[in-house]
Every structure is written in structure tokens, then in C-alpha cells.
Amino acid sequence: MSETESLDPKARYGKAGERWGNVVLPAGRLAIDDLIRFSDEPDGGPIYRISRENAFPLDSGKRLYYYLRTTDNPNNS
């Protein structure tokens, strides 16, 4: 697991909820269980955990990473 990495909010992809979403980044940039936050959030804002990595069909060099918020999440991720 990495330290919490700050991501550009432009990396978000598709529909996102308050507790979950997707980011598209180059393959290998993140791994399952990495912690992320978005640079447009205030300090102390939500932290998310990467829980899935999928191929991104529009660009074979990128991956679709699914994240879940680490607090107040119904499935205790």
C-alpha cells in the first residue's frame, strides 16, 4: 500500500457517487489498496482506497481504477 497520493480531479471518469468512483490513469500508476485523495478537496477531505483495476478499452496503455471512500462506507472498505 502506498502513502496517500493526491490526484488531479480531471482523472475522474464517468459517473461518480459521494463514496465511490473511477479514475483513468496510465497502467501501473496505482495498485489495489493504494490510498488516494483529489487535489480539489480541502485538507482533511475524504480519502479513497483503490479496490479494482480494469482494462480501459479506449486506450490499452491506461487502466480504469475503481475507488471507495475509506470512511462512512456501507461495506466498511
Protein backbone atom coordinates (compact mmCIF):
# COMPACT_ATOMS: atom_id res chain seq x y z
CA MET A 1 0.00 0.00 0.00
CA SER A 2 1.27 3.46 -0.85
CA GLU A 3 1.06 6.68 1.10
CA THR A 4 -1.97 8.75 0.18
CA GLU A 5 -1.46 10.08 -3.33
CA SER A 6 -3.03 13.32 -4.48
CA LEU A 7 -4.70 13.07 -7.89
CA ASP A 8 -5.87 15.71 -10.33
CA PRO A 9 -9.70 15.67 -10.30
CA LYS A 10 -9.56 15.52 -14.12
CA ALA A 11 -8.55 11.85 -13.73
CA ARG A 12 -12.12 11.02 -12.64
CA TYR A 13 -14.00 9.09 -15.27
CA GLY A 14 -17.71 8.55 -15.79
CA LYS A 15 -20.36 8.63 -13.13
CA ALA A 16 -19.17 9.02 -9.54
CA GLY A 17 -21.01 8.91 -6.25
CA GLU A 18 -20.23 10.53 -2.94
CA ARG A 19 -18.47 7.37 -1.75
CA TRP A 20 -17.15 5.79 -4.95
CA GLY A 21 -15.99 6.45 -8.48
CA ASN A 22 -13.42 5.69 -11.17
CA VAL A 23 -10.20 7.26 -12.34
CA VAL A 24 -8.37 6.61 -15.59
CA LEU A 25 -4.58 6.67 -15.35
CA PRO A 26 -1.62 5.00 -17.06
CA ALA A 27 -1.21 1.30 -16.36
CA GLY A 28 0.81 0.68 -13.20
CA ARG A 29 0.24 4.16 -11.76
CA LEU A 30 -1.90 2.76 -8.91
CA ALA A 31 -2.41 -0.64 -7.31
CA ILE A 32 -5.18 -2.28 -5.31
CA ASP A 33 -5.30 -0.91 -1.74
CA ASP A 34 -3.47 2.33 -2.68
CA LEU A 35 -4.93 5.38 -0.94
CA ILE A 36 -5.83 8.47 -2.94
CA ARG A 37 -7.38 11.89 -2.47
CA PHE A 38 -8.24 14.57 -5.00
CA SER A 39 -6.31 17.82 -5.13
CA ASP A 40 -9.51 19.90 -5.28
CA GLU A 41 -10.64 18.63 -1.85
CA PRO A 42 -9.78 20.66 1.26
CA ASP A 43 -7.11 19.38 3.66
CA GLY A 44 -8.66 16.68 5.78
CA GLY A 45 -11.07 15.82 2.95
CA PRO A 46 -12.06 12.27 2.06
CA ILE A 47 -9.53 9.54 1.39
CA TYR A 48 -10.35 6.72 -1.01
CA ARG A 49 -8.97 3.21 -1.45
CA ILE A 50 -8.43 1.60 -4.86
CA SER A 51 -10.39 -1.66 -4.87
CA ARG A 52 -10.37 -2.74 -8.53
CA GLU A 53 -8.25 -2.29 -11.63
CA ASN A 54 -9.74 -2.96 -15.06
CA ALA A 55 -8.54 -2.65 -18.63
CA PHE A 56 -9.56 0.60 -20.29
CA PRO A 57 -10.87 -0.37 -23.75
CA LEU A 58 -10.35 3.07 -25.29
CA ASP A 59 -6.58 3.03 -24.62
CA SER A 60 -4.63 -0.15 -23.90
CA GLY A 61 -1.95 1.82 -22.04
CA LYS A 62 -4.41 3.02 -19.41
CA ARG A 63 -6.41 1.40 -16.63
CA LEU A 64 -9.76 2.13 -15.04
CA TYR A 65 -9.29 2.19 -11.27
CA TYR A 66 -12.39 1.92 -9.05
CA TYR A 67 -12.19 3.63 -5.67
CA LEU A 68 -14.27 3.62 -2.46
CA ARG A 69 -14.20 6.16 0.35
CA THR A 70 -12.43 4.78 3.42
CA THR A 71 -14.88 6.24 5.97
CA ASP A 72 -18.67 6.14 6.25
CA ASN A 73 -18.88 3.45 3.60
CA PRO A 74 -21.64 0.85 3.98
CA ASN A 75 -19.35 -2.06 3.10
CA ASN A 76 -16.62 -0.91 5.52
CA SER A 77 -13.94 -0.65 2.86
